[in-house]
Amino acid sequence: MIAPAYARHEAQRLQALRALLILDTPPEERFDRIVQFAVNEFEVPMAAITLVDEERQWFKASHGLSMCETPRDMSFCGHAILRAEAMLVPDALLDPRFFDNPLVQSAPRVRFYVGAPLVLPGGEAVGTLCLFDTRPREFDRIDLAVLGALRDLVVEQLIGSEVAACS
């Protein structure tokens, strides 16, 4: 397993994440609805809105996952936040970063992953909207466009949370 690197501007990224005042908050229907829509639209058994903190990946909303967080060093999303575009892993068993990852080798037995980074207006990627499957899959340009639109809705909700928290 290859642990994700830290962002070049990790301190600023973490500051932007914490300024959202959303870590460890209760579930919210507005985020749960987006995740449920993604599960139905892409016919995947698992999806989540993740926020990548310093040492962990925390799930603000999820479907089909029994955990509410994972260590950052074994997260797929820790890798995804380092990219400008969505990160696609058609078969995790064939990817040197993930083939021996505990999330691949045991429950939930992830084989497919795609994660669209949640990038705030300041450029900080604070997490992902991501999909998982227990079987390898392909994802085309239309799928990526739809996932991107859903990701944009999540970012709008996060920014709304920040504005409301500051009022």
Protein backbone atom coordinates (compact mmCIF):
# COMPACT_ATOMS: atom_id res chain seq x y z
CA MET A 1 0.00 0.00 0.00
CA ILE A 2 1.28 3.45 -0.86
CA ALA A 3 0.14 6.10 1.59
CA PRO A 4 -0.98 9.40 0.05
CA ALA A 5 1.42 12.32 0.13
CA TYR A 6 0.51 15.58 1.78
CA ALA A 7 -0.49 18.56 -0.34
CA ARG A 8 2.16 21.18 -1.10
CA HIS A 9 0.17 23.70 0.92
CA GLU A 10 -1.12 21.27 3.53
CA ALA A 11 -1.33 23.84 6.36
CA GLN A 12 -3.54 26.14 4.26
CA ARG A 13 -5.64 23.17 3.10
CA LEU A 14 -6.24 22.08 6.69
CA GLN A 15 -7.01 25.63 7.76
CA ALA A 16 -9.64 25.92 4.99
CA LEU A 17 -11.13 22.53 5.96
CA ARG A 18 -11.39 23.46 9.63
CA ALA A 19 -12.86 26.88 8.78
CA LEU A 20 -15.87 25.05 7.32
CA LEU A 21 -16.78 23.96 10.89
CA ILE A 22 -18.21 20.73 9.52
CA LEU A 23 -15.88 18.00 10.81
CA ASP A 24 -17.61 15.61 13.23
CA THR A 25 -21.03 17.20 12.75
CA PRO A 26 -24.19 15.06 12.65
CA PRO A 27 -25.57 13.74 9.35
CA GLU A 28 -27.43 16.28 7.21
CA GLU A 29 -30.14 15.49 4.70
CA ARG A 30 -28.69 17.88 2.09
CA PHE A 31 -25.49 15.82 1.88
CA ASP A 32 -27.22 12.45 2.33
CA ARG A 33 -29.47 13.19 -0.67
CA ILE A 34 -26.50 13.85 -2.95
CA VAL A 35 -24.84 10.59 -1.91
CA GLN A 36 -28.08 8.63 -2.39
CA PHE A 37 -28.56 10.17 -5.83
CA ALA A 38 -25.00 9.16 -6.78
CA VAL A 39 -25.60 5.57 -5.64
CA ASN A 40 -28.75 5.36 -7.75
CA GLU A 41 -27.36 7.20 -10.78
CA PHE A 42 -24.17 5.15 -11.04
CA GLU A 43 -25.59 1.88 -9.67
CA VAL A 44 -22.81 1.47 -7.12
CA PRO A 45 -23.15 -0.15 -3.70
CA MET A 46 -21.10 2.53 -1.89
CA ALA A 47 -20.62 6.29 -2.08
CA ALA A 48 -19.45 9.00 0.28
CA ILE A 49 -18.69 12.63 0.83
CA THR A 50 -15.31 12.56 2.54
CA LEU A 51 -13.29 15.24 4.26
CA VAL A 52 -9.56 14.58 4.55
CA ASP A 53 -8.17 15.84 7.84
CA GLU A 54 -4.55 15.67 9.00
CA GLU A 55 -4.57 11.99 10.08
CA ARG A 56 -7.97 10.69 9.00
CA GLN A 57 -10.59 10.68 6.31
CA TRP A 58 -14.02 11.42 7.78
CA PHE A 59 -17.33 10.68 6.05
CA LYS A 60 -19.84 13.53 6.19
CA ALA A 61 -22.34 11.36 4.32
CA SER A 62 -22.13 7.79 3.10
CA HIS A 63 -24.12 4.89 1.76
CA GLY A 64 -23.11 1.24 1.98
CA LEU A 65 -20.15 1.82 4.29
CA SER A 66 -20.17 0.66 7.91
CA MET A 67 -17.40 3.03 9.01
CA CYS A 68 -17.53 6.78 9.60
CA GLU A 69 -13.81 7.39 9.09
CA THR A 70 -10.57 5.70 8.07
CA PRO A 71 -6.92 6.50 8.66
CA ARG A 72 -5.68 8.93 6.03
CA ASP A 73 -2.71 6.72 5.17
CA MET A 74 -5.01 4.03 3.76
CA SER A 75 -7.53 6.35 2.11
CA PHE A 76 -8.11 6.48 -1.62
CA CYS A 77 -9.37 10.06 -1.19
CA GLY A 78 -6.04 11.17 0.29
CA HIS A 79 -4.59 10.49 -3.16
CA ALA A 80 -7.56 12.04 -4.99
CA ILE A 81 -7.27 15.44 -3.27
CA LEU A 82 -3.80 15.88 -4.76
CA ARG A 83 -5.26 16.05 -8.28
CA ALA A 84 -7.24 18.71 -10.11
CA GLU A 85 -9.48 16.19 -11.86
CA ALA A 86 -11.33 13.10 -10.66
CA MET A 87 -9.17 10.11 -9.77
CA LEU A 88 -10.33 6.86 -11.37
CA VAL A 89 -9.21 3.40 -10.24
CA PRO A 90 -10.97 0.85 -12.49
CA ASP A 91 -9.53 -2.15 -10.56
CA ALA A 92 -7.79 -1.56 -7.23
CA LEU A 93 -6.20 -5.03 -7.34
CA LEU A 94 -4.22 -3.91 -10.39
CA ASP A 95 -3.13 -0.56 -8.93
CA PRO A 96 0.21 -0.53 -7.05
CA ARG A 97 -1.12 2.13 -4.65
CA PHE A 98 -4.04 0.02 -3.50
CA PHE A 99 -3.75 -3.72 -4.27
CA ASP A 100 -2.71 -4.57 -0.70
CA ASN A 101 -4.79 -1.88 1.02
CA PRO A 102 -6.92 -3.24 3.92
CA LEU A 103 -10.02 -1.68 2.30
CA VAL A 104 -9.32 -3.80 -0.79
CA GLN A 105 -8.17 -7.00 0.92
CA SER A 106 -11.01 -7.12 3.47
CA ALA A 107 -14.37 -5.43 4.02
CA PRO A 108 -15.62 -3.44 2.20
CA ARG A 109 -13.47 -5.12 -0.54
CA VAL A 110 -13.12 -2.08 -2.78
CA ARG A 111 -12.24 -2.90 -6.39
CA PHE A 112 -13.48 0.23 -8.19
CA TYR A 113 -13.04 3.81 -6.99
CA VAL A 114 -13.64 7.23 -8.47
CA GLY A 115 -13.26 10.40 -6.43
CA ALA A 116 -13.95 13.98 -7.50
CA PRO A 117 -12.03 16.48 -5.34
CA LEU A 118 -14.04 19.02 -3.37
CA VAL A 119 -12.13 22.19 -4.23
CA LEU A 120 -13.03 25.38 -2.39
CA PRO A 121 -12.91 28.82 -4.07
CA GLY A 122 -9.40 29.39 -2.63
CA GLY A 123 -8.13 26.27 -4.42
CA GLU A 124 -7.96 23.97 -1.39
CA ALA A 125 -9.11 20.39 -1.98
CA VAL A 126 -10.71 19.38 1.33
CA GLY A 127 -12.21 16.00 0.42
CA THR A 128 -14.07 14.14 -2.30
CA LEU A 129 -17.38 12.94 -3.57
CA CYS A 130 -16.49 9.32 -4.25
CA LEU A 131 -17.99 6.08 -5.48
CA PHE A 132 -16.90 2.51 -4.70
CA ASP A 133 -17.80 -0.89 -6.05
CA THR A 134 -16.81 -4.44 -5.14
CA ARG A 135 -16.16 -5.26 -8.79
CA PRO A 136 -13.97 -3.60 -11.43
CA ARG A 137 -15.75 -1.00 -13.55
CA GLU A 138 -15.21 1.53 -16.28
CA PHE A 139 -16.29 5.16 -16.11
CA ASP A 140 -16.75 7.24 -19.26
CA ARG A 141 -16.63 10.99 -19.94
CA ILE A 142 -20.37 11.41 -19.41
CA ASP A 143 -20.12 9.63 -16.04
CA LEU A 144 -17.25 11.92 -15.07
CA ALA A 145 -19.28 14.99 -16.09
CA VAL A 146 -22.27 13.90 -13.98
CA LEU A 147 -20.00 13.14 -11.01
CA GLY A 148 -18.41 16.57 -11.47
CA ALA A 149 -21.81 18.27 -11.39
CA LEU A 150 -22.71 16.42 -8.18
CA ARG A 151 -19.34 17.35 -6.70
CA ASP A 152 -20.08 21.01 -7.50
CA LEU A 153 -23.36 20.70 -5.56
CA VAL A 154 -21.44 19.36 -2.56
CA VAL A 155 -18.98 22.27 -2.73
CA GLU A 156 -21.89 24.74 -2.89
CA GLN A 157 -23.34 23.15 0.25
CA LEU A 158 -19.97 23.29 2.02
CA ILE A 159 -19.52 26.95 1.17
CA GLY A 160 -23.07 27.62 2.37
CA SER A 161 -22.13 25.92 5.66
CA GLU A 162 -19.12 28.20 6.04
CA VAL A 163 -21.13 31.34 5.35
CA ALA A 164 -23.84 30.27 7.80
CA ALA A 165 -21.24 29.42 10.47
CA CYS A 166 -19.70 32.90 10.21
CA SER A 167 -23.01 34.77 10.40
